[in-house]
Amino acid sequence: MDLRQRVSASGYVLDVAQQAAVERLEELQGRRRGVYLHGPVGRGKSFLADALFEVVPGPKKRVHFHSFFQELHRRISARLHERGAAAKAVKELVGRAKVLAFDELHVHDVGDAMLMTRLLEELQERRVMIIATSNYPPDGLLPNPLYHDHFLPGIALIKQMMEIVPLDGATDYRHLHGAPRSRFETGAIVRVATSPGPPVELDVNGRAITALAVDGNEVWFDFGDLCEKPTSTQDYLELVQRYDDWVITGVPRLEHRDREARQRFSNVVDVLVDADVRLTVVSEHSLAEILGGEVRDLDRTASRLELINTTG
């Protein structure tokens, strides 16, 4: 089955931008050329990348960006003083795969940027074809101007290894949902909720994180404890293994918080969506107020939170 047949079998009717992207992907399919499919949220990037992944022959592996990097960090740290630690870790994680798919690739942390560059070097050496989706064009990765130059080698590798394919249609299909399609979508944004208490100190990756309450598989956090203290994506990945129902209280207007707090909140939402965990956001502000003002670079977060944007 070729790419167009695979897409047609889904039953979806493609818009003009998606049809153009499919034509471009068909051209690249026979060349075994990597693909970097980018554009605004909800345009069908993951759908088309998944279809391409299914029809490309050879040993292949699909990975979630967050979990893959967590494991890569862990394996490199475990052999920190060994020569070639990064190469060995990549070999273990990629295995025999000749096609590697990353969904929603984004780079905001300078440490991840350096590691991403090292990963790309290893994959290029191993001649692994990469299929990646992103909300950002390559030049928009690691957007903070203080650190952007650190990822220029990684951006150059992306352009060398992958064909850059935009997908920027006018329709955000995530806004056309009806009944919830995932557990995440059963969450809500509410103005008032009462924590079942009492507070609990959770041991996460060797450090203490305060939860307002733990009730079975449900965990409550205050925005300040979760996003304004030095927590990490690795912490959130560990926590979603324990709890599949999250409540975050006191979510403020993000324009009044520093960039690090905003980025942590965005990372939390990414992790919860990937793990399909229910999220309830408790805030005296509407979603538009939470994400409005001078805040930038939160389009993906806004789109995802629109899935649970109900009142209560």
C-alpha atoms as a PDB file:
ATOM      1  CA  MET A   1       0.000   0.000   0.000  1.00  0.00           C
ATOM      2  CA  ASP A   2       1.431   3.376  -0.978  1.00  0.00           C
ATOM      3  CA  LEU A   3       1.042   6.630   0.926  1.00  0.00           C
ATOM      4  CA  ARG A   4      -2.011   7.910  -0.970  1.00  0.00           C
ATOM      5  CA  GLN A   5      -3.798   4.576  -0.531  1.00  0.00           C
ATOM      6  CA  ARG A   6      -2.972   4.599   3.165  1.00  0.00           C
ATOM      7  CA  VAL A   7      -4.359   8.110   3.571  1.00  0.00           C
ATOM      8  CA  SER A   8      -7.472   7.284   1.527  1.00  0.00           C
ATOM      9  CA  ALA A   9      -8.132   4.177   3.633  1.00  0.00           C
ATOM     10  CA  SER A  10      -8.564   6.420   6.684  1.00  0.00           C
ATOM     11  CA  GLY A  11     -11.798   7.846   5.267  1.00  0.00           C
ATOM     12  CA  TYR A  12     -10.696  11.436   5.882  1.00  0.00           C
ATOM     13  CA  VAL A  13     -11.235  14.040   3.190  1.00  0.00           C
ATOM     14  CA  LEU A  14      -8.039  16.036   2.788  1.00  0.00           C
ATOM     15  CA  ASP A  15      -8.026  19.798   2.498  1.00  0.00           C
ATOM     16  CA  VAL A  16      -5.933  21.604  -0.118  1.00  0.00           C
ATOM     17  CA  ALA A  17      -2.896  22.032   2.161  1.00  0.00           C
ATOM     18  CA  GLN A  18      -2.955  18.361   3.193  1.00  0.00           C
ATOM     19  CA  GLN A  19      -3.223  17.227  -0.427  1.00  0.00           C
ATOM     20  CA  ALA A  20      -0.182  19.353  -1.316  1.00  0.00           C
ATOM     21  CA  ALA A  21       1.747  17.839   1.600  1.00  0.00           C
ATOM     22  CA  VAL A  22       0.818  14.300   0.514  1.00  0.00           C
ATOM     23  CA  GLU A  23       2.104  15.009  -3.005  1.00  0.00           C
ATOM     24  CA  ARG A  24       5.377  16.257  -1.572  1.00  0.00           C
ATOM     25  CA  LEU A  25       5.693  13.266   0.759  1.00  0.00           C
ATOM     26  CA  GLU A  26       5.066  10.878  -2.151  1.00  0.00           C
ATOM     27  CA  GLU A  27       7.992  12.426  -4.001  1.00  0.00           C
ATOM     28  CA  LEU A  28      10.243  11.903  -0.978  1.00  0.00           C
ATOM     29  CA  GLN A  29       9.046   8.404  -0.139  1.00  0.00           C
ATOM     30  CA  GLY A  30      11.017   6.725  -2.908  1.00  0.00           C
ATOM     31  CA  ARG A  31      14.168   8.685  -2.085  1.00  0.00           C
ATOM     32  CA  ARG A  32      14.348   7.452   1.528  1.00  0.00           C
ATOM     33  CA  ARG A  33      14.724  11.072   2.517  1.00  0.00           C
ATOM     34  CA  GLY A  34      13.888  12.182   6.038  1.00  0.00           C
ATOM     35  CA  VAL A  35      10.891  14.466   6.520  1.00  0.00           C
ATOM     36  CA  TYR A  36      10.344  17.409   8.876  1.00  0.00           C
ATOM     37  CA  LEU A  37       6.626  18.219   8.703  1.00  0.00           C
ATOM     38  CA  HIS A  38       5.813  21.501  10.417  1.00  0.00           C
ATOM     39  CA  GLY A  39       2.946  23.925  10.789  1.00  0.00           C
ATOM     40  CA  PRO A  40       0.335  25.271  13.212  1.00  0.00           C
ATOM     41  CA  VAL A  41      -1.451  22.961  15.621  1.00  0.00           C
ATOM     42  CA  GLY A  42      -4.344  20.802  14.490  1.00  0.00           C
ATOM     43  CA  ARG A  43      -3.512  20.730  10.761  1.00  0.00           C
ATOM     44  CA  GLY A  44      -3.038  16.958  10.470  1.00  0.00           C
ATOM     45  CA  LYS A  45       0.745  16.700  10.763  1.00  0.00           C
ATOM     46  CA  SER A  46       0.683  13.630  13.008  1.00  0.00           C
ATOM     47  CA  PHE A  47      -1.916  11.938  10.803  1.00  0.00           C
ATOM     48  CA  LEU A  48       0.199  12.341   7.651  1.00  0.00           C
ATOM     49  CA  ALA A  49       3.448  11.449   9.431  1.00  0.00           C
ATOM     50  CA  ASP A  50       1.851   8.280  10.822  1.00  0.00           C
ATOM     51  CA  ALA A  51       0.646   7.325   7.346  1.00  0.00           C
ATOM     52  CA  LEU A  52       4.146   7.832   5.916  1.00  0.00           C
ATOM     53  CA  PHE A  53       5.677   5.853   8.772  1.00  0.00           C
ATOM     54  CA  GLU A  54       3.348   2.920   8.057  1.00  0.00           C
ATOM     55  CA  VAL A  55       4.261   2.644   4.373  1.00  0.00           C
ATOM     56  CA  VAL A  56       8.028   3.192   4.607  1.00  0.00           C
ATOM     57  CA  PRO A  57       9.710  -0.250   4.585  1.00  0.00           C
ATOM     58  CA  GLY A  58      12.403  -1.478   6.941  1.00  0.00           C
ATOM     59  CA  PRO A  59      12.916  -1.790  10.689  1.00  0.00           C
ATOM     60  CA  LYS A  60      11.343   1.257  12.301  1.00  0.00           C
ATOM     61  CA  LYS A  61      10.469   2.803  15.619  1.00  0.00           C
ATOM     62  CA  ARG A  62       7.986   5.487  16.675  1.00  0.00           C
ATOM     63  CA  VAL A  63       8.823   7.381  19.881  1.00  0.00           C
ATOM     64  CA  HIS A  64       7.308  10.114  22.028  1.00  0.00           C
ATOM     65  CA  PHE A  65       9.682  13.057  22.197  1.00  0.00           C
ATOM     66  CA  HIS A  66       9.460  13.535  25.983  1.00  0.00           C
ATOM     67  CA  SER A  67       9.823   9.885  26.965  1.00  0.00           C
ATOM     68  CA  PHE A  68      12.622   9.254  24.481  1.00  0.00           C
ATOM     69  CA  PHE A  69      14.645  12.165  25.833  1.00  0.00           C
ATOM     70  CA  GLN A  70      13.994  11.107  29.417  1.00  0.00           C
ATOM     71  CA  GLU A  71      15.396   7.672  28.680  1.00  0.00           C
ATOM     72  CA  LEU A  72      18.300   9.079  26.664  1.00  0.00           C
ATOM     73  CA  HIS A  73      19.227  11.383  29.563  1.00  0.00           C
ATOM     74  CA  ARG A  74      18.991   8.475  31.997  1.00  0.00           C
ATOM     75  CA  ARG A  75      21.177   6.137  29.968  1.00  0.00           C
ATOM     76  CA  ILE A  76      23.856   8.741  29.309  1.00  0.00           C
ATOM     77  CA  SER A  77      23.899   9.736  32.995  1.00  0.00           C
ATOM     78  CA  ALA A  78      24.296   6.079  34.002  1.00  0.00           C
ATOM     79  CA  ARG A  79      27.553   5.868  32.028  1.00  0.00           C
ATOM     80  CA  LEU A  80      28.611   9.501  32.384  1.00  0.00           C
ATOM     81  CA  HIS A  81      32.331   8.751  32.633  1.00  0.00           C
ATOM     82  CA  GLU A  82      32.418   6.192  29.837  1.00  0.00           C
ATOM     83  CA  ARG A  83      33.874   7.134  26.504  1.00  0.00           C
ATOM     84  CA  GLY A  84      31.211   7.298  23.800  1.00  0.00           C
ATOM     85  CA  ALA A  85      28.362   7.334  26.324  1.00  0.00           C
ATOM     86  CA  ALA A  86      25.970   9.173  23.995  1.00  0.00           C
ATOM     87  CA  ALA A  87      26.666   6.863  21.049  1.00  0.00           C
ATOM     88  CA  LYS A  88      26.089   3.775  23.191  1.00  0.00           C
ATOM     89  CA  ALA A  89      22.846   5.178  24.607  1.00  0.00           C
ATOM     90  CA  VAL A  90      21.521   6.021  21.139  1.00  0.00           C
ATOM     91  CA  LYS A  91      22.455   2.557  19.856  1.00  0.00           C
ATOM     92  CA  GLU A  92      20.559   0.923  22.716  1.00  0.00           C
ATOM     93  CA  LEU A  93      17.455   3.058  22.221  1.00  0.00           C
ATOM     94  CA  VAL A  94      17.289   2.988  18.425  1.00  0.00           C
ATOM     95  CA  GLY A  95      18.371  -0.632  18.029  1.00  0.00           C
ATOM     96  CA  ARG A  96      18.113  -1.937  14.459  1.00  0.00           C
ATOM     97  CA  ALA A  97      15.638   0.744  13.379  1.00  0.00           C
ATOM     98  CA  LYS A  98      16.376   2.456  10.089  1.00  0.00           C
ATOM     99  CA  VAL A  99      13.337   4.728  10.383  1.00  0.00           C
ATOM    100  CA  LEU A 100      12.704   6.787  13.515  1.00  0.00           C
ATOM    101  CA  ALA A 101       9.546   8.867  13.987  1.00  0.00           C
ATOM    102  CA  PHE A 102       9.386  11.813  16.404  1.00  0.00           C
ATOM    103  CA  ASP A 103       5.996  13.424  16.984  1.00  0.00           C
ATOM    104  CA  GLU A 104       5.774  17.074  18.073  1.00  0.00           C
ATOM    105  CA  LEU A 105       9.489  17.739  18.213  1.00  0.00           C
ATOM    106  CA  HIS A 106      10.303  20.965  20.008  1.00  0.00           C
ATOM    107  CA  VAL A 107      13.406  22.305  21.705  1.00  0.00           C
ATOM    108  CA  HIS A 108      13.095  24.911  24.456  1.00  0.00           C
ATOM    109  CA  ASP A 109      15.811  23.828  26.891  1.00  0.00           C
ATOM    110  CA  VAL A 110      19.456  24.494  26.040  1.00  0.00           C
ATOM    111  CA  GLY A 111      20.487  21.167  27.577  1.00  0.00           C
ATOM    112  CA  ASP A 112      18.026  19.295  25.378  1.00  0.00           C
ATOM    113  CA  ALA A 113      19.278  21.324  22.412  1.00  0.00           C
ATOM    114  CA  MET A 114      22.835  20.101  22.918  1.00  0.00           C
ATOM    115  CA  LEU A 115      21.638  16.535  23.373  1.00  0.00           C
ATOM    116  CA  MET A 116      19.405  16.778  20.304  1.00  0.00           C
ATOM    117  CA  THR A 117      22.377  17.854  18.215  1.00  0.00           C
ATOM    118  CA  ARG A 118      24.359  14.868  19.488  1.00  0.00           C
ATOM    119  CA  LEU A 119      21.444  12.564  18.716  1.00  0.00           C
ATOM    120  CA  LEU A 120      21.155  13.889  15.170  1.00  0.00           C
ATOM    121  CA  GLU A 121      24.881  13.332  14.638  1.00  0.00           C
ATOM    122  CA  GLU A 122      24.543   9.717  15.750  1.00  0.00           C
ATOM    123  CA  LEU A 123      21.459   9.099  13.604  1.00  0.00           C
ATOM    124  CA  GLN A 124      23.191  10.613  10.600  1.00  0.00           C
ATOM    125  CA  GLU A 125      26.164   8.338  11.193  1.00  0.00           C
ATOM    126  CA  ARG A 126      23.828   5.318  11.412  1.00  0.00           C
ATOM    127  CA  ARG A 127      21.922   6.458   8.293  1.00  0.00           C
ATOM    128  CA  VAL A 128      18.593   6.462  10.085  1.00  0.00           C
ATOM    129  CA  MET A 129      15.703   8.115   8.251  1.00  0.00           C
ATOM    130  CA  ILE A 130      13.838  10.550  10.522  1.00  0.00           C
ATOM    131  CA  ILE A 131      10.152  11.421  10.242  1.00  0.00           C
ATOM    132  CA  ALA A 132       9.393  14.368  12.523  1.00  0.00           C
ATOM    133  CA  THR A 133       6.459  16.672  13.149  1.00  0.00           C
ATOM    134  CA  SER A 134       6.740  20.051  14.808  1.00  0.00           C
ATOM    135  CA  ASN A 135       4.794  23.244  15.364  1.00  0.00           C
ATOM    136  CA  TYR A 136       8.003  25.118  14.549  1.00  0.00           C
ATOM    137  CA  PRO A 137      10.048  25.478  11.368  1.00  0.00           C
ATOM    138  CA  PRO A 138      13.636  24.367  12.009  1.00  0.00           C
ATOM    139  CA  ASP A 139      14.826  27.960  12.414  1.00  0.00           C
ATOM    140  CA  GLY A 140      12.160  28.488  15.080  1.00  0.00           C
ATOM    141  CA  LEU A 141      13.449  25.769  17.407  1.00  0.00           C
ATOM    142  CA  LEU A 142      14.963  26.930  20.709  1.00  0.00           C
ATOM    143  CA  PRO A 143      13.333  30.326  20.101  1.00  0.00           C
ATOM    144  CA  ASN A 144      14.801  32.103  23.133  1.00  0.00           C
ATOM    145  CA  PRO A 145      17.268  34.570  21.563  1.00  0.00           C
ATOM    146  CA  LEU A 146      19.633  34.125  24.522  1.00  0.00           C
ATOM    147  CA  TYR A 147      20.195  30.471  23.628  1.00  0.00           C
ATOM    148  CA  HIS A 148      19.156  30.071  19.984  1.00  0.00           C
ATOM    149  CA  ASP A 149      22.728  30.136  18.672  1.00  0.00           C
ATOM    150  CA  HIS A 150      23.484  27.004  20.719  1.00  0.00           C
ATOM    151  CA  PHE A 151      21.185  24.995  18.474  1.00  0.00           C
ATOM    152  CA  LEU A 152      22.367  26.280  15.096  1.00  0.00           C
ATOM    153  CA  PRO A 153      24.435  23.096  14.518  1.00  0.00           C
ATOM    154  CA  GLY A 154      21.335  21.018  15.263  1.00  0.00           C
ATOM    155  CA  ILE A 155      19.212  23.100  12.883  1.00  0.00           C
ATOM    156  CA  ALA A 156      21.829  22.636  10.163  1.00  0.00           C
ATOM    157  CA  LEU A 157      21.679  18.858  10.695  1.00  0.00           C
ATOM    158  CA  ILE A 158      17.883  18.856  10.466  1.00  0.00           C
ATOM    159  CA  LYS A 159      18.104  20.623   7.104  1.00  0.00           C
ATOM    160  CA  GLN A 160      20.770  18.195   5.897  1.00  0.00           C
ATOM    161  CA  MET A 161      18.936  15.047   6.967  1.00  0.00           C
ATOM    162  CA  MET A 162      15.303  15.983   6.320  1.00  0.00           C
ATOM    163  CA  GLU A 163      13.188  17.623   3.673  1.00  0.00           C
ATOM    164  CA  ILE A 164      11.280  20.524   5.222  1.00  0.00           C
ATOM    165  CA  VAL A 165       7.560  20.199   4.400  1.00  0.00           C
ATOM    166  CA  PRO A 166       5.136  22.900   5.643  1.00  0.00           C
ATOM    167  CA  LEU A 167       1.522  22.094   6.466  1.00  0.00           C
ATOM    168  CA  ASP A 168      -0.259  25.363   7.155  1.00  0.00           C
ATOM    169  CA  GLY A 169      -3.897  24.965   6.145  1.00  0.00           C
ATOM    170  CA  ALA A 170      -6.523  27.355   7.451  1.00  0.00           C
ATOM    171  CA  THR A 171      -8.474  24.860   9.585  1.00  0.00           C
ATOM    172  CA  ASP A 172      -7.506  23.735  13.092  1.00  0.00           C
ATOM    173  CA  TYR A 173      -9.214  20.335  13.191  1.00  0.00           C
ATOM    174  CA  ARG A 174      -8.773  20.057  16.930  1.00  0.00           C
ATOM    175  CA  HIS A 175     -11.553  22.620  17.297  1.00  0.00           C
ATOM    176  CA  LEU A 176     -14.006  20.414  15.398  1.00  0.00           C
ATOM    177  CA  HIS A 177     -14.201  17.621  17.939  1.00  0.00           C
ATOM    178  CA  GLY A 178     -17.539  16.363  19.240  1.00  0.00           C
ATOM    179  CA  ALA A 179     -17.571  13.654  21.886  1.00  0.00           C
ATOM    180  CA  PRO A 180     -14.246  13.201  23.725  1.00  0.00           C
ATOM    181  CA  ARG A 181     -11.820  11.036  21.765  1.00  0.00           C
ATOM    182  CA  SER A 182      -9.309  10.615  24.577  1.00  0.00           C
ATOM    183  CA  ARG A 183      -9.142  10.604  28.358  1.00  0.00           C
ATOM    184  CA  PHE A 184      -7.381  13.966  28.327  1.00  0.00           C
ATOM    185  CA  GLU A 185     -10.428  15.489  26.636  1.00  0.00           C
ATOM    186  CA  THR A 186     -12.650  14.505  29.565  1.00  0.00           C
ATOM    187  CA  GLY A 187     -10.899  17.135  31.702  1.00  0.00           C
ATOM    188  CA  ALA A 188     -12.092  20.692  32.251  1.00  0.00           C
ATOM    189  CA  ILE A 189     -11.136  24.262  33.083  1.00  0.00           C
ATOM    190  CA  VAL A 190     -13.114  25.321  36.175  1.00  0.00           C
ATOM    191  CA  ARG A 191     -13.155  28.326  38.465  1.00  0.00           C
ATOM    192  CA  VAL A 192     -13.579  26.564  41.807  1.00  0.00           C
ATOM    193  CA  ALA A 193     -12.544  23.180  43.195  1.00  0.00           C
ATOM    194  CA  THR A 194     -11.845  22.036  46.742  1.00  0.00           C
ATOM    195  CA  SER A 195      -8.739  19.985  47.397  1.00  0.00           C
ATOM    196  CA  PRO A 196      -9.416  16.786  49.358  1.00  0.00           C
ATOM    197  CA  GLY A 197      -6.101  17.449  51.229  1.00  0.00           C
ATOM    198  CA  PRO A 198      -3.896  17.154  53.173  1.00  0.00           C
ATOM    199  CA  PRO A 199      -0.658  18.153  51.381  1.00  0.00           C
ATOM    200  CA  VAL A 200       1.797  15.351  50.610  1.00  0.00           C
ATOM    201  CA  GLU A 201       5.536  15.457  49.874  1.00  0.00           C
ATOM    202  CA  LEU A 202       6.193  13.236  46.868  1.00  0.00           C
ATOM    203  CA  ASP A 203       9.629  11.753  46.236  1.00  0.00           C
ATOM    204  CA  VAL A 204      10.210  12.258  42.508  1.00  0.00           C
ATOM    205  CA  ASN A 205      13.575  11.468  40.957  1.00  0.00           C
ATOM    206  CA  GLY A 206      15.288  12.045  44.297  1.00  0.00           C
ATOM    207  CA  ARG A 207      13.662  15.362  45.154  1.00  0.00           C
ATOM    208  CA  ALA A 208      10.531  16.434  47.024  1.00  0.00           C
ATOM    209  CA  ILE A 209       7.566  17.906  45.146  1.00  0.00           C
ATOM    210  CA  THR A 210       4.579  19.104  47.146  1.00  0.00           C
ATOM    211  CA  ALA A 211       1.142  17.832  46.130  1.00  0.00           C
ATOM    212  CA  LEU A 212      -1.921  19.488  47.615  1.00  0.00           C
ATOM    213  CA  ALA A 213      -3.505  16.055  47.878  1.00  0.00           C
ATOM    214  CA  VAL A 214      -3.346  12.486  46.622  1.00  0.00           C
ATOM    215  CA  ASP A 215      -6.555  10.496  46.365  1.00  0.00           C
ATOM    216  CA  GLY A 216      -6.014   7.105  44.763  1.00  0.00           C
ATOM    217  CA  ASN A 217      -4.979   7.755  41.151  1.00  0.00           C
ATOM    218  CA  GLU A 218      -5.792  11.471  41.451  1.00  0.00           C
ATOM    219  CA  VAL A 219      -3.153  14.047  42.339  1.00  0.00           C
ATOM    220  CA  TRP A 220      -3.611  17.768  43.071  1.00  0.00           C
ATOM    221  CA  PHE A 221      -0.918  20.397  42.549  1.00  0.00           C
ATOM    222  CA  ASP A 222      -0.739  24.131  43.066  1.00  0.00           C
ATOM    223  CA  PHE A 223       0.630  25.966  40.019  1.00  0.00           C
ATOM    224  CA  GLY A 224       3.363  27.518  42.160  1.00  0.00           C
ATOM    225  CA  ASP A 225       4.632  24.169  43.462  1.00  0.00           C
ATOM    226  CA  LEU A 226       4.546  22.513  40.055  1.00  0.00           C
ATOM    227  CA  CYS A 227       5.649  25.284  37.711  1.00  0.00           C
ATOM    228  CA  GLU A 228       7.411  27.994  39.705  1.00  0.00           C
ATOM    229  CA  LYS A 229       9.825  25.655  41.449  1.00  0.00           C
ATOM    230  CA  PRO A 230      12.663  23.819  39.634  1.00  0.00           C
ATOM    231  CA  THR A 231      10.675  20.812  38.449  1.00  0.00           C
ATOM    232  CA  SER A 232      11.470  19.127  35.137  1.00  0.00           C
ATOM    233  CA  THR A 233       9.871  17.220  32.293  1.00  0.00           C
ATOM    234  CA  GLN A 234      11.475  14.081  33.700  1.00  0.00           C
ATOM    235  CA  ASP A 235       9.549  14.684  36.935  1.00  0.00           C
ATOM    236  CA  TYR A 236       6.242  14.962  35.078  1.00  0.00           C
ATOM    237  CA  LEU A 237       6.974  11.777  33.143  1.00  0.00           C
ATOM    238  CA  GLU A 238       7.599   9.961  36.414  1.00  0.00           C
ATOM    239  CA  LEU A 239       4.401  11.347  37.957  1.00  0.00           C
ATOM    240  CA  VAL A 240       2.134  10.299  35.086  1.00  0.00           C
ATOM    241  CA  GLN A 241       3.232   6.721  35.754  1.00  0.00           C
ATOM    242  CA  ARG A 242       1.668   7.043  39.219  1.00  0.00           C
ATOM    243  CA  TYR A 243      -1.417   9.215  38.643  1.00  0.00           C
ATOM    244  CA  ASP A 244      -3.808   9.343  35.692  1.00  0.00           C
ATOM    245  CA  ASP A 245      -6.022  12.158  36.970  1.00  0.00           C
ATOM    246  CA  TRP A 246      -4.402  15.571  37.593  1.00  0.00           C
ATOM    247  CA  VAL A 247      -5.779  18.786  39.063  1.00  0.00           C
ATOM    248  CA  ILE A 248      -3.712  21.987  38.874  1.00  0.00           C
ATOM    249  CA  THR A 249      -5.054  24.836  40.995  1.00  0.00           C
ATOM    250  CA  GLY A 250      -4.272  28.545  41.079  1.00  0.00           C
ATOM    251  CA  VAL A 251      -3.352  28.759  37.397  1.00  0.00           C
ATOM    252  CA  PRO A 252      -2.642  32.482  36.807  1.00  0.00           C
ATOM    253  CA  ARG A 253      -2.450  34.752  33.809  1.00  0.00           C
ATOM    254  CA  LEU A 254       0.805  33.449  32.370  1.00  0.00           C
ATOM    255  CA  GLU A 255       1.859  36.896  31.173  1.00  0.00           C
ATOM    256  CA  HIS A 256       2.443  37.686  34.865  1.00  0.00           C
ATOM    257  CA  ARG A 257       4.815  34.752  35.344  1.00  0.00           C
ATOM    258  CA  ASP A 258       8.380  34.306  34.141  1.00  0.00           C
ATOM    259  CA  ARG A 259       9.302  32.364  31.036  1.00  0.00           C
ATOM    260  CA  GLU A 260      10.503  29.314  32.984  1.00  0.00           C
ATOM    261  CA  ALA A 261       7.154  28.935  34.769  1.00  0.00           C
ATOM    262  CA  ARG A 262       5.285  29.304  31.484  1.00  0.00           C
ATOM    263  CA  GLN A 263       7.485  26.703  29.826  1.00  0.00           C
ATOM    264  CA  ARG A 264       7.034  24.234  32.686  1.00  0.00           C
ATOM    265  CA  PHE A 265       3.261  24.614  32.431  1.00  0.00           C
ATOM    266  CA  SER A 266       3.449  23.991  28.687  1.00  0.00           C
ATOM    267  CA  ASN A 267       5.623  20.920  29.281  1.00  0.00           C
ATOM    268  CA  VAL A 268       3.161  19.568  31.851  1.00  0.00           C
ATOM    269  CA  VAL A 269       0.325  19.848  29.344  1.00  0.00           C
ATOM    270  CA  ASP A 270       2.431  18.132  26.656  1.00  0.00           C
ATOM    271  CA  VAL A 271       3.247  15.223  28.953  1.00  0.00           C
ATOM    272  CA  LEU A 272      -0.367  14.793  30.075  1.00  0.00           C
ATOM    273  CA  VAL A 273      -1.627  14.768  26.495  1.00  0.00           C
ATOM    274  CA  ASP A 274       1.013  12.224  25.429  1.00  0.00           C
ATOM    275  CA  ALA A 275       0.136   9.988  28.393  1.00  0.00           C
ATOM    276  CA  ASP A 276      -3.622  10.560  27.874  1.00  0.00           C
ATOM    277  CA  VAL A 277      -4.112  11.686  31.470  1.00  0.00           C
ATOM    278  CA  ARG A 278      -7.198  13.675  32.543  1.00  0.00           C
ATOM    279  CA  LEU A 279      -6.412  17.277  33.496  1.00  0.00           C
ATOM    280  CA  THR A 280      -8.563  19.722  35.430  1.00  0.00           C
ATOM    281  CA  VAL A 281      -7.290  23.307  35.455  1.00  0.00           C
ATOM    282  CA  VAL A 282      -8.617  25.430  38.324  1.00  0.00           C
ATOM    283  CA  SER A 283      -8.352  29.161  37.663  1.00  0.00           C
ATOM    284  CA  GLU A 284     -10.325  32.324  38.277  1.00  0.00           C
ATOM    285  CA  HIS A 285      -9.378  33.280  34.712  1.00  0.00           C
ATOM    286  CA  SER A 286     -10.716  32.114  31.369  1.00  0.00           C
ATOM    287  CA  LEU A 287      -8.413  30.227  29.015  1.00  0.00           C
ATOM    288  CA  ALA A 288      -8.065  33.356  26.887  1.00  0.00           C
ATOM    289  CA  GLU A 289      -6.965  35.300  29.965  1.00  0.00           C
ATOM    290  CA  ILE A 290      -4.554  32.555  31.105  1.00  0.00           C
ATOM    291  CA  LEU A 291      -2.772  32.505  27.749  1.00  0.00           C
ATOM    292  CA  GLY A 292      -3.359  36.085  26.613  1.00  0.00           C
ATOM    293  CA  GLY A 293      -1.465  39.321  26.906  1.00  0.00           C
ATOM    294  CA  GLU A 294       2.142  39.375  25.758  1.00  0.00           C
ATOM    295  CA  VAL A 295       2.625  35.625  26.101  1.00  0.00           C
ATOM    296  CA  ARG A 296       4.143  34.039  23.001  1.00  0.00           C
ATOM    297  CA  ASP A 297       5.094  30.552  21.886  1.00  0.00           C
ATOM    298  CA  LEU A 298       2.109  28.821  23.531  1.00  0.00           C
ATOM    299  CA  ASP A 299      -0.002  28.048  20.458  1.00  0.00           C
ATOM    300  CA  ARG A 300       0.324  24.294  20.990  1.00  0.00           C
ATOM    301  CA  THR A 301      -0.634  24.627  24.666  1.00  0.00           C
ATOM    302  CA  ALA A 302      -3.641  26.778  23.784  1.00  0.00           C
ATOM    303  CA  SER A 303      -4.857  24.290  21.207  1.00  0.00           C
ATOM    304  CA  ARG A 304      -4.549  21.405  23.630  1.00  0.00           C
ATOM    305  CA  LEU A 305      -6.308  23.218  26.453  1.00  0.00           C
ATOM    306  CA  GLU A 306      -9.143  24.139  24.092  1.00  0.00           C
ATOM    307  CA  LEU A 307      -9.992  20.434  24.145  1.00  0.00           C
ATOM    308  CA  ILE A 308     -10.997  20.786  27.805  1.00  0.00           C
ATOM    309  CA  ASN A 309     -12.167  24.400  27.718  1.00  0.00           C
ATOM    310  CA  THR A 310     -15.478  24.007  29.541  1.00  0.00           C
ATOM    311  CA  THR A 311     -16.877  26.083  32.366  1.00  0.00           C
ATOM    312  CA  GLY A 312     -17.642  24.874  35.850  1.00  0.00           C
END
